[in-house]
Amino acid sequence: MLEALAHSNIGRVPKTQIWIEILIGESVQIEELDEQDVPGWHASNQRASRDYGDRWYDQKRTAMLLVPSIVARPERNIAINQDHADFSKIRATAPKPVIWDQRLFSRD
């Protein structure tokens, strides 16, 4: 959620945010990436991270890719490849509203 908030750049509480829980089948493989694996992972131009992600997606190595978060370290983000054969083993719960804490947007 912090990644979405960081990229929204709206300066106020988003009104239409929702969240879902992702349920992953036991046989689904997840590729994990450490930031040391990709020189320039945190570069502001995002070239290295996008190139890596594009290759992972195009090669369909796994259905899921776990990557370092730039916004909330040491948290991680996960990318899902809907073109991978194991995509059908991934489920999502019904959407629920995000309730943001107003202090995240306070200018005091």
PDB file of N, CA and C in Angstrom:
ATOM      1  N   MET A   1       0.827  -1.193   0.000  1.00  0.00           N
ATOM      2  CA  MET A   1       0.000   0.000   0.000  1.00  0.00           C
ATOM      3  C   MET A   1       0.864   1.246   0.000  1.00  0.00           C
ATOM      4  N   LEU A   2       2.024   1.165   0.666  1.00  0.00           N
ATOM      5  CA  LEU A   2       2.904   2.323   0.674  1.00  0.00           C
ATOM      6  C   LEU A   2       3.463   2.602  -0.718  1.00  0.00           C
ATOM      7  N   GLU A   3       3.725   1.554  -1.481  1.00  0.00           N
ATOM      8  CA  GLU A   3       4.194   1.745  -2.861  1.00  0.00           C
ATOM      9  C   GLU A   3       3.141   2.521  -3.654  1.00  0.00           C
ATOM     10  N   ALA A   4       1.895   2.125  -3.542  1.00  0.00           N
ATOM     11  CA  ALA A   4       0.825   2.813  -4.271  1.00  0.00           C
ATOM     12  C   ALA A   4       0.719   4.265  -3.821  1.00  0.00           C
ATOM     13  N   LEU A   5       0.797   4.483  -2.522  1.00  0.00           N
ATOM     14  CA  LEU A   5       0.714   5.834  -1.983  1.00  0.00           C
ATOM     15  C   LEU A   5       1.883   6.694  -2.452  1.00  0.00           C
ATOM     16  N   ALA A   6       3.075   6.132  -2.459  1.00  0.00           N
ATOM     17  CA  ALA A   6       4.258   6.881  -2.882  1.00  0.00           C
ATOM     18  C   ALA A   6       4.159   7.302  -4.343  1.00  0.00           C
ATOM     19  N   HIS A   7       3.568   6.471  -5.152  1.00  0.00           N
ATOM     20  CA  HIS A   7       3.477   6.778  -6.585  1.00  0.00           C
ATOM     21  C   HIS A   7       2.246   7.603  -6.943  1.00  0.00           C
ATOM     22  N   SER A   8       1.313   7.757  -6.015  1.00  0.00           N
ATOM     23  CA  SER A   8       0.095   8.509  -6.329  1.00  0.00           C
ATOM     24  C   SER A   8       0.355  10.009  -6.374  1.00  0.00           C
ATOM     25  N   ASN A   9       1.242  10.497  -5.495  1.00  0.00           N
ATOM     26  CA  ASN A   9       1.635  11.902  -5.484  1.00  0.00           C
ATOM     27  C   ASN A   9       0.441  12.853  -5.439  1.00  0.00           C
ATOM     28  N   ILE A  10      -0.587  12.517  -4.648  1.00  0.00           N
ATOM     29  CA  ILE A  10      -1.768  13.374  -4.592  1.00  0.00           C
ATOM     30  C   ILE A  10      -1.808  14.254  -3.346  1.00  0.00           C
ATOM     31  N   GLY A  11      -1.009  13.927  -2.330  1.00  0.00           N
ATOM     32  CA  GLY A  11      -0.928  14.773  -1.144  1.00  0.00           C
ATOM     33  C   GLY A  11      -2.156  14.774  -0.254  1.00  0.00           C
ATOM     34  N   ARG A  12      -3.044  13.849  -0.453  1.00  0.00           N
ATOM     35  CA  ARG A  12      -4.244  13.749   0.390  1.00  0.00           C
ATOM     36  C   ARG A  12      -4.657  12.280   0.485  1.00  0.00           C
ATOM     37  N   VAL A  13      -5.589  11.988   1.368  1.00  0.00           N
ATOM     38  CA  VAL A  13      -6.044  10.615   1.555  1.00  0.00           C
ATOM     39  C   VAL A  13      -6.761  10.143   0.281  1.00  0.00           C
ATOM     40  N   PRO A  14      -6.301   9.057  -0.316  1.00  0.00           N
ATOM     41  CA  PRO A  14      -7.022   8.515  -1.483  1.00  0.00           C
ATOM     42  C   PRO A  14      -8.408   8.045  -1.070  1.00  0.00           C
ATOM     43  N   LYS A  15      -9.392   8.282  -1.908  1.00  0.00           N
ATOM     44  CA  LYS A  15     -10.774   7.943  -1.555  1.00  0.00           C
ATOM     45  C   LYS A  15     -11.226   6.588  -2.082  1.00  0.00           C
ATOM     46  N   THR A  16     -10.584   6.060  -3.077  1.00  0.00           N
ATOM     47  CA  THR A  16     -11.105   4.850  -3.715  1.00  0.00           C
ATOM     48  C   THR A  16     -10.099   3.711  -3.713  1.00  0.00           C
ATOM     49  N   GLN A  17      -9.309   3.581  -2.674  1.00  0.00           N
ATOM     50  CA  GLN A  17      -8.334   2.500  -2.584  1.00  0.00           C
ATOM     51  C   GLN A  17      -8.984   1.262  -1.989  1.00  0.00           C
ATOM     52  N   ILE A  18      -8.613   0.103  -2.542  1.00  0.00           N
ATOM     53  CA  ILE A  18      -9.066  -1.177  -2.009  1.00  0.00           C
ATOM     54  C   ILE A  18      -7.850  -2.083  -1.863  1.00  0.00           C
ATOM     55  N   TRP A  19      -8.025  -3.170  -1.132  1.00  0.00           N
ATOM     56  CA  TRP A  19      -6.960  -4.173  -1.011  1.00  0.00           C
ATOM     57  C   TRP A  19      -7.584  -5.554  -1.125  1.00  0.00           C
ATOM     58  N   ILE A  20      -6.733  -6.502  -1.519  1.00  0.00           N
ATOM     59  CA  ILE A  20      -7.138  -7.895  -1.606  1.00  0.00           C
ATOM     60  C   ILE A  20      -6.039  -8.756  -0.996  1.00  0.00           C
ATOM     61  N   GLU A  21      -6.405  -9.926  -0.556  1.00  0.00           N
ATOM     62  CA  GLU A  21      -5.430 -10.904  -0.091  1.00  0.00           C
ATOM     63  C   GLU A  21      -5.205 -11.890  -1.235  1.00  0.00           C
ATOM     64  N   ILE A  22      -3.944 -12.204  -1.501  1.00  0.00           N
ATOM     65  CA  ILE A  22      -3.595 -13.138  -2.558  1.00  0.00           C
ATOM     66  C   ILE A  22      -3.349 -14.514  -1.932  1.00  0.00           C
ATOM     67  N   LEU A  23      -4.024 -15.527  -2.448  1.00  0.00           N
ATOM     68  CA  LEU A  23      -3.880 -16.901  -1.966  1.00  0.00           C
ATOM     69  C   LEU A  23      -3.096 -17.676  -3.019  1.00  0.00           C
ATOM     70  N   ILE A  24      -1.959 -18.226  -2.617  1.00  0.00           N
ATOM     71  CA  ILE A  24      -1.032 -18.861  -3.547  1.00  0.00           C
ATOM     72  C   ILE A  24      -1.059 -20.368  -3.338  1.00  0.00           C
ATOM     73  N   GLY A  25      -1.306 -21.127  -4.399  1.00  0.00           N
ATOM     74  CA  GLY A  25      -1.285 -22.586  -4.336  1.00  0.00           C
ATOM     75  C   GLY A  25       0.093 -23.092  -3.930  1.00  0.00           C
ATOM     76  N   GLU A  26       0.126 -24.198  -3.213  1.00  0.00           N
ATOM     77  CA  GLU A  26       1.390 -24.730  -2.690  1.00  0.00           C
ATOM     78  C   GLU A  26       2.406 -25.049  -3.784  1.00  0.00           C
ATOM     79  N   SER A  27       1.963 -25.422  -4.953  1.00  0.00           N
ATOM     80  CA  SER A  27       2.889 -25.812  -6.022  1.00  0.00           C
ATOM     81  C   SER A  27       3.409 -24.626  -6.842  1.00  0.00           C
ATOM     82  N   VAL A  28       2.923 -23.428  -6.557  1.00  0.00           N
ATOM     83  CA  VAL A  28       3.351 -22.247  -7.319  1.00  0.00           C
ATOM     84  C   VAL A  28       4.751 -21.838  -6.880  1.00  0.00           C
ATOM     85  N   GLN A  29       5.665 -21.766  -7.841  1.00  0.00           N
ATOM     86  CA  GLN A  29       7.031 -21.337  -7.534  1.00  0.00           C
ATOM     87  C   GLN A  29       7.105 -19.812  -7.524  1.00  0.00           C
ATOM     88  N   ILE A  30       7.922 -19.299  -6.595  1.00  0.00           N
ATOM     89  CA  ILE A  30       8.120 -17.854  -6.469  1.00  0.00           C
ATOM     90  C   ILE A  30       9.604 -17.577  -6.609  1.00  0.00           C
ATOM     91  N   GLU A  31       9.957 -16.730  -7.568  1.00  0.00           N
ATOM     92  CA  GLU A  31      11.353 -16.298  -7.702  1.00  0.00           C
ATOM     93  C   GLU A  31      11.575 -15.138  -6.741  1.00  0.00           C
ATOM     94  N   GLU A  32      12.651 -15.213  -5.964  1.00  0.00           N
ATOM     95  CA  GLU A  32      12.977 -14.144  -5.017  1.00  0.00           C
ATOM     96  C   GLU A  32      14.215 -13.404  -5.479  1.00  0.00           C
ATOM     97  N   LEU A  33      14.151 -12.092  -5.395  1.00  0.00           N
ATOM     98  CA  LEU A  33      15.241 -11.252  -5.836  1.00  0.00           C
ATOM     99  C   LEU A  33      15.730 -10.403  -4.669  1.00  0.00           C
ATOM    100  N   ASP A  34      17.030 -10.378  -4.456  1.00  0.00           N
ATOM    101  CA  ASP A  34      17.637  -9.464  -3.490  1.00  0.00           C
ATOM    102  C   ASP A  34      18.195  -8.282  -4.265  1.00  0.00           C
ATOM    103  N   GLU A  35      18.173  -7.102  -3.671  1.00  0.00           N
ATOM    104  CA  GLU A  35      18.637  -5.916  -4.397  1.00  0.00           C
ATOM    105  C   GLU A  35      20.098  -6.031  -4.819  1.00  0.00           C
ATOM    106  N   GLN A  36      20.899  -6.836  -4.113  1.00  0.00           N
ATOM    107  CA  GLN A  36      22.294  -7.026  -4.499  1.00  0.00           C
ATOM    108  C   GLN A  36      22.415  -7.825  -5.799  1.00  0.00           C
ATOM    109  N   ASP A  37      21.360  -8.549  -6.167  1.00  0.00           N
ATOM    110  CA  ASP A  37      21.376  -9.348  -7.386  1.00  0.00           C
ATOM    111  C   ASP A  37      21.344  -8.497  -8.650  1.00  0.00           C
ATOM    112  N   VAL A  38      20.844  -7.269  -8.532  1.00  0.00           N
ATOM    113  CA  VAL A  38      20.688  -6.404  -9.700  1.00  0.00           C
ATOM    114  C   VAL A  38      21.327  -5.043  -9.398  1.00  0.00           C
ATOM    115  N   PRO A  39      22.542  -4.809  -9.898  1.00  0.00           N
ATOM    116  CA  PRO A  39      23.166  -3.499  -9.704  1.00  0.00           C
ATOM    117  C   PRO A  39      22.254  -2.392 -10.250  1.00  0.00           C
ATOM    118  N   GLY A  40      22.054  -1.356  -9.455  1.00  0.00           N
ATOM    119  CA  GLY A  40      21.192  -0.250  -9.862  1.00  0.00           C
ATOM    120  C   GLY A  40      19.719  -0.473  -9.586  1.00  0.00           C
ATOM    121  N   TRP A  41      19.398  -1.489  -8.779  1.00  0.00           N
ATOM    122  CA  TRP A  41      17.995  -1.801  -8.491  1.00  0.00           C
ATOM    123  C   TRP A  41      17.226  -0.573  -7.997  1.00  0.00           C
ATOM    124  N   HIS A  42      17.850   0.221  -7.127  1.00  0.00           N
ATOM    125  CA  HIS A  42      17.163   1.373  -6.528  1.00  0.00           C
ATOM    126  C   HIS A  42      17.378   2.677  -7.285  1.00  0.00           C
ATOM    127  N   ALA A  43      17.955   2.627  -8.472  1.00  0.00           N
ATOM    128  CA  ALA A  43      18.204   3.853  -9.244  1.00  0.00           C
ATOM    129  C   ALA A  43      16.889   4.542  -9.583  1.00  0.00           C
ATOM    130  N   SER A  44      16.898   5.855  -9.549  1.00  0.00           N
ATOM    131  CA  SER A  44      15.669   6.610  -9.793  1.00  0.00           C
ATOM    132  C   SER A  44      15.137   6.433 -11.215  1.00  0.00           C
ATOM    133  N   ASN A  45      15.995   6.104 -12.169  1.00  0.00           N
ATOM    134  CA  ASN A  45      15.502   5.894 -13.534  1.00  0.00           C
ATOM    135  C   ASN A  45      14.832   4.531 -13.712  1.00  0.00           C
ATOM    136  N   GLN A  46      14.947   3.668 -12.739  1.00  0.00           N
ATOM    137  CA  GLN A  46      14.304   2.350 -12.692  1.00  0.00           C
ATOM    138  C   GLN A  46      14.700   1.444 -13.863  1.00  0.00           C
ATOM    139  N   ARG A  47      15.749   1.775 -14.566  1.00  0.00           N
ATOM    140  CA  ARG A  47      16.153   0.991 -15.735  1.00  0.00           C
ATOM    141  C   ARG A  47      16.483  -0.454 -15.362  1.00  0.00           C
ATOM    142  N   ALA A  48      17.327  -0.636 -14.348  1.00  0.00           N
ATOM    143  CA  ALA A  48      17.760  -1.983 -13.968  1.00  0.00           C
ATOM    144  C   ALA A  48      16.585  -2.829 -13.471  1.00  0.00           C
ATOM    145  N   SER A  49      15.749  -2.246 -12.616  1.00  0.00           N
ATOM    146  CA  SER A  49      14.623  -3.011 -12.069  1.00  0.00           C
ATOM    147  C   SER A  49      13.600  -3.341 -13.159  1.00  0.00           C
ATOM    148  N   ARG A  50      13.328  -2.408 -14.040  1.00  0.00           N
ATOM    149  CA  ARG A  50      12.378  -2.672 -15.126  1.00  0.00           C
ATOM    150  C   ARG A  50      12.917  -3.701 -16.110  1.00  0.00           C
ATOM    151  N   ASP A  51      14.196  -3.600 -16.445  1.00  0.00           N
ATOM    152  CA  ASP A  51      14.801  -4.577 -17.358  1.00  0.00           C
ATOM    153  C   ASP A  51      14.701  -5.983 -16.775  1.00  0.00           C
ATOM    154  N   TYR A  52      15.026  -6.106 -15.487  1.00  0.00           N
ATOM    155  CA  TYR A  52      14.949  -7.418 -14.832  1.00  0.00           C
ATOM    156  C   TYR A  52      13.514  -7.937 -14.873  1.00  0.00           C
ATOM    157  N   GLY A  53      12.574  -7.103 -14.475  1.00  0.00           N
ATOM    158  CA  GLY A  53      11.173  -7.507 -14.458  1.00  0.00           C
ATOM    159  C   GLY A  53      10.645  -7.851 -15.840  1.00  0.00           C
ATOM    160  N   ASP A  54      11.034  -7.093 -16.831  1.00  0.00           N
ATOM    161  CA  ASP A  54      10.601  -7.390 -18.203  1.00  0.00           C
ATOM    162  C   ASP A  54      11.110  -8.760 -18.658  1.00  0.00           C
ATOM    163  N   ARG A  55      12.386  -9.047 -18.360  1.00  0.00           N
ATOM    164  CA  ARG A  55      12.945 -10.356 -18.737  1.00  0.00           C
ATOM    165  C   ARG A  55      12.224 -11.485 -18.005  1.00  0.00           C
ATOM    166  N   TRP A  56      12.012 -11.299 -16.700  1.00  0.00           N
ATOM    167  CA  TRP A  56      11.298 -12.312 -15.913  1.00  0.00           C
ATOM    168  C   TRP A  56       9.912 -12.563 -16.519  1.00  0.00           C
ATOM    169  N   TYR A  57       9.210 -11.511 -16.838  1.00  0.00           N
ATOM    170  CA  TYR A  57       7.859 -11.623 -17.389  1.00  0.00           C
ATOM    171  C   TYR A  57       7.874 -12.320 -18.749  1.00  0.00           C
ATOM    172  N   ASP A  58       8.734 -11.854 -19.644  1.00  0.00           N
ATOM    173  CA  ASP A  58       8.788 -12.413 -21.002  1.00  0.00           C
ATOM    174  C   ASP A  58       9.218 -13.875 -21.011  1.00  0.00           C
ATOM    175  N   GLN A  59      10.148 -14.241 -20.118  1.00  0.00           N
ATOM    176  CA  GLN A  59      10.643 -15.620 -20.060  1.00  0.00           C
ATOM    177  C   GLN A  59       9.699 -16.558 -19.310  1.00  0.00           C
ATOM    178  N   LYS A  60       8.738 -16.004 -18.579  1.00  0.00           N
ATOM    179  CA  LYS A  60       7.754 -16.786 -17.812  1.00  0.00           C
ATOM    180  C   LYS A  60       8.442 -17.791 -16.891  1.00  0.00           C
ATOM    181  N   ARG A  61       9.497 -17.312 -16.197  1.00  0.00           N
ATOM    182  CA  ARG A  61      10.268 -18.215 -15.332  1.00  0.00           C
ATOM    183  C   ARG A  61       9.447 -18.734 -14.162  1.00  0.00           C
ATOM    184  N   THR A  62       8.649 -17.883 -13.561  1.00  0.00           N
ATOM    185  CA  THR A  62       7.762 -18.257 -12.458  1.00  0.00           C
ATOM    186  C   THR A  62       6.495 -17.417 -12.571  1.00  0.00           C
ATOM    187  N   ALA A  63       5.467 -17.815 -11.840  1.00  0.00           N
ATOM    188  CA  ALA A  63       4.223 -17.040 -11.840  1.00  0.00           C
ATOM    189  C   ALA A  63       4.337 -15.806 -10.949  1.00  0.00           C
ATOM    190  N   MET A  64       5.277 -15.848  -9.974  1.00  0.00           N
ATOM    191  CA  MET A  64       5.403 -14.748  -9.027  1.00  0.00           C
ATOM    192  C   MET A  64       6.871 -14.383  -8.837  1.00  0.00           C
ATOM    193  N   LEU A  65       7.095 -13.080  -8.682  1.00  0.00           N
ATOM    194  CA  LEU A  65       8.441 -12.549  -8.460  1.00  0.00           C
ATOM    195  C   LEU A  65       8.409 -11.664  -7.221  1.00  0.00           C
ATOM    196  N   LEU A  66       9.173 -12.039  -6.211  1.00  0.00           N
ATOM    197  CA  LEU A  66       9.263 -11.288  -4.957  1.00  0.00           C
ATOM    198  C   LEU A  66      10.465 -10.358  -5.048  1.00  0.00           C
ATOM    199  N   VAL A  67      10.230  -9.049  -4.910  1.00  0.00           N
ATOM    200  CA  VAL A  67      11.282  -8.053  -5.110  1.00  0.00           C
ATOM    201  C   VAL A  67      11.364  -7.092  -3.930  1.00  0.00           C
ATOM    202  N   PRO A  68      12.521  -6.444  -3.737  1.00  0.00           N
ATOM    203  CA  PRO A  68      12.651  -5.465  -2.661  1.00  0.00           C
ATOM    204  C   PRO A  68      11.782  -4.231  -2.926  1.00  0.00           C
ATOM    205  N   SER A  69      11.196  -3.709  -1.870  1.00  0.00           N
ATOM    206  CA  SER A  69      10.459  -2.447  -1.964  1.00  0.00           C
ATOM    207  C   SER A  69      11.451  -1.300  -1.844  1.00  0.00           C
ATOM    208  N   ILE A  70      11.286  -0.311  -2.644  1.00  0.00           N
ATOM    209  CA  ILE A  70      12.121   0.884  -2.530  1.00  0.00           C
ATOM    210  C   ILE A  70      11.536   1.816  -1.471  1.00  0.00           C
ATOM    211  N   VAL A  71      10.224   1.843  -1.371  1.00  0.00           N
ATOM    212  CA  VAL A  71       9.534   2.762  -0.465  1.00  0.00           C
ATOM    213  C   VAL A  71       9.575   2.306   0.981  1.00  0.00           C
ATOM    214  N   ALA A  72       9.404   1.022   1.231  1.00  0.00           N
ATOM    215  CA  ALA A  72       9.268   0.511   2.600  1.00  0.00           C
ATOM    216  C   ALA A  72      10.274  -0.604   2.848  1.00  0.00           C
ATOM    217  N   ARG A  73      11.523  -0.256   3.001  1.00  0.00           N
ATOM    218  CA  ARG A  73      12.561  -1.254   3.268  1.00  0.00           C
ATOM    219  C   ARG A  73      12.473  -1.718   4.707  1.00  0.00           C
ATOM    220  N   PRO A  74      12.582  -2.951   5.030  1.00  0.00           N
ATOM    221  CA  PRO A  74      12.973  -4.096   4.206  1.00  0.00           C
ATOM    222  C   PRO A  74      11.788  -4.851   3.613  1.00  0.00           C
ATOM    223  N   GLU A  75      10.635  -4.212   3.485  1.00  0.00           N
ATOM    224  CA  GLU A  75       9.463  -4.893   2.931  1.00  0.00           C
ATOM    225  C   GLU A  75       9.720  -5.341   1.496  1.00  0.00           C
ATOM    226  N   ARG A  76       8.825  -6.187   1.008  1.00  0.00           N
ATOM    227  CA  ARG A  76       8.963  -6.738  -0.340  1.00  0.00           C
ATOM    228  C   ARG A  76       7.649  -6.527  -1.100  1.00  0.00           C
ATOM    229  N   ASN A  77       7.758  -6.494  -2.398  1.00  0.00           N
ATOM    230  CA  ASN A  77       6.598  -6.451  -3.285  1.00  0.00           C
ATOM    231  C   ASN A  77       6.585  -7.733  -4.098  1.00  0.00           C
ATOM    232  N   ILE A  78       5.430  -8.063  -4.631  1.00  0.00           N
ATOM    233  CA  ILE A  78       5.358  -9.255  -5.461  1.00  0.00           C
ATOM    234  C   ILE A  78       4.695  -8.909  -6.791  1.00  0.00           C
ATOM    235  N   ALA A  79       5.324  -9.353  -7.858  1.00  0.00           N
ATOM    236  CA  ALA A  79       4.762  -9.203  -9.201  1.00  0.00           C
ATOM    237  C   ALA A  79       4.171 -10.548  -9.599  1.00  0.00           C
ATOM    238  N   ILE A  80       3.056 -10.497 -10.311  1.00  0.00           N
ATOM    239  CA  ILE A  80       2.377 -11.712 -10.744  1.00  0.00           C
ATOM    240  C   ILE A  80       2.311 -11.708 -12.269  1.00  0.00           C
ATOM    241  N   ASN A  81       2.731 -12.823 -12.857  1.00  0.00           N
ATOM    242  CA  ASN A  81       2.710 -12.954 -14.312  1.00  0.00           C
ATOM    243  C   ASN A  81       1.451 -13.725 -14.721  1.00  0.00           C
ATOM    244  N   GLN A  82       0.457 -12.997 -15.210  1.00  0.00           N
ATOM    245  CA  GLN A  82      -0.810 -13.626 -15.581  1.00  0.00           C
ATOM    246  C   GLN A  82      -0.694 -14.497 -16.827  1.00  0.00           C
ATOM    247  N   ASP A  83       0.434 -14.433 -17.544  1.00  0.00           N
ATOM    248  CA  ASP A  83       0.648 -15.291 -18.706  1.00  0.00           C
ATOM    249  C   ASP A  83       1.355 -16.606 -18.355  1.00  0.00           C
ATOM    250  N   HIS A  84       1.723 -16.790 -17.100  1.00  0.00           N
ATOM    251  CA  HIS A  84       2.398 -18.013 -16.675  1.00  0.00           C
ATOM    252  C   HIS A  84       1.366 -19.128 -16.487  1.00  0.00           C
ATOM    253  N   ALA A  85       1.784 -20.359 -16.749  1.00  0.00           N
ATOM    254  CA  ALA A  85       0.880 -21.512 -16.636  1.00  0.00           C
ATOM    255  C   ALA A  85       0.298 -21.679 -15.231  1.00  0.00           C
ATOM    256  N   ASP A  86       1.026 -21.275 -14.188  1.00  0.00           N
ATOM    257  CA  ASP A  86       0.551 -21.431 -12.805  1.00  0.00           C
ATOM    258  C   ASP A  86      -0.361 -20.292 -12.339  1.00  0.00           C
ATOM    259  N   PHE A  87      -0.637 -19.342 -13.195  1.00  0.00           N
ATOM    260  CA  PHE A  87      -1.474 -18.208 -12.786  1.00  0.00           C
ATOM    261  C   PHE A  87      -2.833 -18.681 -12.266  1.00  0.00           C
ATOM    262  N   SER A  88      -3.370 -19.754 -12.837  1.00  0.00           N
ATOM    263  CA  SER A  88      -4.687 -20.244 -12.418  1.00  0.00           C
ATOM    264  C   SER A  88      -4.683 -20.794 -10.987  1.00  0.00           C
ATOM    265  N   LYS A  89      -3.490 -21.003 -10.402  1.00  0.00           N
ATOM    266  CA  LYS A  89      -3.372 -21.495  -9.031  1.00  0.00           C
ATOM    267  C   LYS A  89      -3.279 -20.363  -8.013  1.00  0.00           C
ATOM    268  N   ILE A  90      -3.466 -19.148  -8.480  1.00  0.00           N
ATOM    269  CA  ILE A  90      -3.405 -17.958  -7.623  1.00  0.00           C
ATOM    270  C   ILE A  90      -4.813 -17.379  -7.540  1.00  0.00           C
ATOM    271  N   ARG A  91      -5.265 -17.135  -6.343  1.00  0.00           N
ATOM    272  CA  ARG A  91      -6.615 -16.605  -6.133  1.00  0.00           C
ATOM    273  C   ARG A  91      -6.548 -15.300  -5.333  1.00  0.00           C
ATOM    274  N   ALA A  92      -7.597 -14.519  -5.458  1.00  0.00           N
ATOM    275  CA  ALA A  92      -7.696 -13.270  -4.701  1.00  0.00           C
ATOM    276  C   ALA A  92      -9.013 -13.252  -3.929  1.00  0.00           C
ATOM    277  N   THR A  93      -8.979 -12.664  -2.738  1.00  0.00           N
ATOM    278  CA  THR A  93     -10.199 -12.512  -1.949  1.00  0.00           C
ATOM    279  C   THR A  93     -11.024 -11.358  -2.515  1.00  0.00           C
ATOM    280  N   ALA A  94     -12.192 -11.191  -1.997  1.00  0.00           N
ATOM    281  CA  ALA A  94     -13.034 -10.055  -2.386  1.00  0.00           C
ATOM    282  C   ALA A  94     -12.354  -8.750  -1.956  1.00  0.00           C
ATOM    283  N   PRO A  95     -12.489  -7.697  -2.738  1.00  0.00           N
ATOM    284  CA  PRO A  95     -11.868  -6.413  -2.374  1.00  0.00           C
ATOM    285  C   PRO A  95     -12.461  -5.834  -1.092  1.00  0.00           C
ATOM    286  N   LYS A  96     -11.578  -5.184  -0.328  1.00  0.00           N
ATOM    287  CA  LYS A  96     -11.983  -4.505   0.908  1.00  0.00           C
ATOM    288  C   LYS A  96     -11.431  -3.080   0.853  1.00  0.00           C
ATOM    289  N   PRO A  97     -12.112  -2.114   1.459  1.00  0.00           N
ATOM    290  CA  PRO A  97     -11.619  -0.738   1.396  1.00  0.00           C
ATOM    291  C   PRO A  97     -10.360  -0.537   2.240  1.00  0.00           C
ATOM    292  N   VAL A  98      -9.460   0.295   1.750  1.00  0.00           N
ATOM    293  CA  VAL A  98      -8.289   0.703   2.522  1.00  0.00           C
ATOM    294  C   VAL A  98      -8.703   1.875   3.396  1.00  0.00           C
ATOM    295  N   ILE A  99      -8.331   1.809   4.664  1.00  0.00           N
ATOM    296  CA  ILE A  99      -8.622   2.912   5.586  1.00  0.00           C
ATOM    297  C   ILE A  99      -7.281   3.527   5.959  1.00  0.00           C
ATOM    298  N   TRP A 100      -6.974   4.672   5.349  1.00  0.00           N
ATOM    299  CA  TRP A 100      -5.704   5.357   5.571  1.00  0.00           C
ATOM    300  C   TRP A 100      -5.756   6.171   6.854  1.00  0.00           C
ATOM    301  N   ASP A 101      -4.652   6.242   7.545  1.00  0.00           N
ATOM    302  CA  ASP A 101      -4.519   7.083   8.728  1.00  0.00           C
ATOM    303  C   ASP A 101      -4.238   8.509   8.257  1.00  0.00           C
ATOM    304  N   GLN A 102      -5.040   9.443   8.672  1.00  0.00           N
ATOM    305  CA  GLN A 102      -4.930  10.843   8.250  1.00  0.00           C
ATOM    306  C   GLN A 102      -3.544  11.424   8.550  1.00  0.00           C
ATOM    307  N   ARG A 103      -2.849  10.893   9.560  1.00  0.00           N
ATOM    308  CA  ARG A 103      -1.526  11.427   9.911  1.00  0.00           C
ATOM    309  C   ARG A 103      -0.516  11.248   8.780  1.00  0.00           C
ATOM    310  N   LEU A 104      -0.763  10.301   7.872  1.00  0.00           N
ATOM    311  CA  LEU A 104       0.134  10.129   6.733  1.00  0.00           C
ATOM    312  C   LEU A 104       0.128  11.332   5.806  1.00  0.00           C
ATOM    313  N   PHE A 105      -0.924  12.149   5.906  1.00  0.00           N
ATOM    314  CA  PHE A 105      -1.089  13.264   4.993  1.00  0.00           C
ATOM    315  C   PHE A 105      -1.022  14.614   5.704  1.00  0.00           C
ATOM    316  N   SER A 106      -0.730  14.587   6.989  1.00  0.00           N
ATOM    317  CA  SER A 106      -0.654  15.812   7.781  1.00  0.00           C
ATOM    318  C   SER A 106       0.561  16.633   7.391  1.00  0.00           C
ATOM    319  N   ARG A 107       0.396  17.914   7.304  1.00  0.00           N
ATOM    320  CA  ARG A 107       1.488  18.827   6.953  1.00  0.00           C
ATOM    321  C   ARG A 107       2.113  19.470   8.197  1.00  0.00           C
ATOM    322  N   ASP A 108       1.665  19.052   9.378  1.00  0.00           N
ATOM    323  CA  ASP A 108       2.181  19.643  10.631  1.00  0.00           C
ATOM    324  C   ASP A 108       3.542  19.140  10.969  1.00  0.00           C
TER     325      ASP A 108
END
